[in-house]
Amino acid sequence: MNTLPFWRRWESHNVAVEYQCREGYCGSCRTRLVAGQVDWIAEPLAFIQPGEILPCCCRAKGDIEIEM
């Protein structure tokens, strides 16, 4: 299993990621999880709706699909 949060993987592939804190406080990286599951590295403090994730503080549990 990959231990890196999404934003680090995306940046390593030159994908622009909207962020502020990178720790789950601000919610600016909030995105919708379309399919699959994630593991939370840290429980987010920013409010998220069901079906939303904060890529700064989670990682994929297998294949996932997100809305960008």
Protein backbone atom coordinates (compact mmCIF):
# COMPACT_ATOMS: atom_id res chain seq x y z
CA MET A 1 0.00 0.00 0.00
CA ASN A 2 1.19 3.50 -0.78
CA THR A 3 1.93 5.54 2.34
CA LEU A 4 2.05 8.98 0.70
CA PRO A 5 -0.92 11.35 0.78
CA PHE A 6 -2.47 12.11 -2.61
CA TRP A 7 -1.07 15.61 -2.93
CA ARG A 8 2.53 14.38 -2.75
CA ARG A 9 1.94 11.78 -5.45
CA TRP A 10 0.15 14.29 -7.69
CA GLU A 11 2.88 16.90 -7.31
CA SER A 12 5.55 14.32 -8.13
CA HIS A 13 3.75 13.94 -11.50
CA ASN A 14 3.44 17.73 -12.00
CA VAL A 15 -0.32 17.78 -11.33
CA ALA A 16 -1.41 21.15 -9.93
CA VAL A 17 -3.16 20.72 -6.59
CA GLU A 18 -5.15 23.44 -4.83
CA TYR A 19 -4.06 23.60 -1.20
CA GLN A 20 -3.34 25.88 1.75
CA CYS A 21 -2.40 23.94 4.88
CA ARG A 22 -1.73 20.37 3.65
CA GLU A 23 -2.86 19.06 7.03
CA GLY A 24 -6.67 18.84 6.85
CA TYR A 25 -7.44 22.17 8.55
CA CYS A 26 -8.54 24.45 5.74
CA GLY A 27 -10.42 22.20 3.32
CA SER A 28 -9.14 23.95 0.19
CA CYS A 29 -8.09 20.64 -1.39
CA ARG A 30 -11.58 19.13 -0.87
CA THR A 31 -12.61 16.88 -3.76
CA ARG A 32 -15.28 14.27 -4.44
CA LEU A 33 -14.48 10.57 -4.22
CA VAL A 34 -16.39 8.98 -7.11
CA ALA A 35 -15.33 5.37 -6.58
CA GLY A 36 -13.10 3.40 -4.24
CA GLN A 37 -12.02 3.89 -0.65
CA VAL A 38 -9.38 5.86 1.22
CA ASP A 39 -7.47 5.48 4.47
CA TRP A 40 -7.15 8.62 6.56
CA ILE A 41 -3.56 9.40 7.54
CA ALA A 42 -4.94 12.04 9.89
CA GLU A 43 -8.57 12.76 10.73
CA PRO A 44 -9.50 15.99 8.88
CA LEU A 45 -10.50 19.00 10.96
CA ALA A 46 -12.11 20.76 8.00
CA PHE A 47 -15.78 19.96 7.46
CA ILE A 48 -16.41 17.51 4.61
CA GLN A 49 -19.65 16.10 3.22
CA PRO A 50 -20.24 12.37 2.70
CA GLY A 51 -18.39 11.35 -0.47
CA GLU A 52 -15.77 14.10 -0.14
CA ILE A 53 -12.11 13.65 0.77
CA LEU A 54 -9.19 15.90 1.61
CA PRO A 55 -6.27 14.63 -0.49
CA CYS A 56 -3.80 16.19 1.93
CA CYS A 57 -4.59 13.72 4.69
CA CYS A 58 -5.65 10.46 3.03
CA ARG A 59 -4.33 7.76 0.72
CA ALA A 60 -6.00 5.28 -1.62
CA LYS A 61 -7.07 1.80 -0.55
CA GLY A 62 -6.65 0.28 -4.00
CA ASP A 63 -7.99 1.85 -7.18
CA ILE A 64 -10.01 5.04 -6.81
CA GLU A 65 -11.72 7.60 -9.02
CA ILE A 66 -11.97 11.25 -8.00
CA GLU A 67 -13.55 14.36 -9.47
CA MET A 68 -10.96 17.02 -10.29
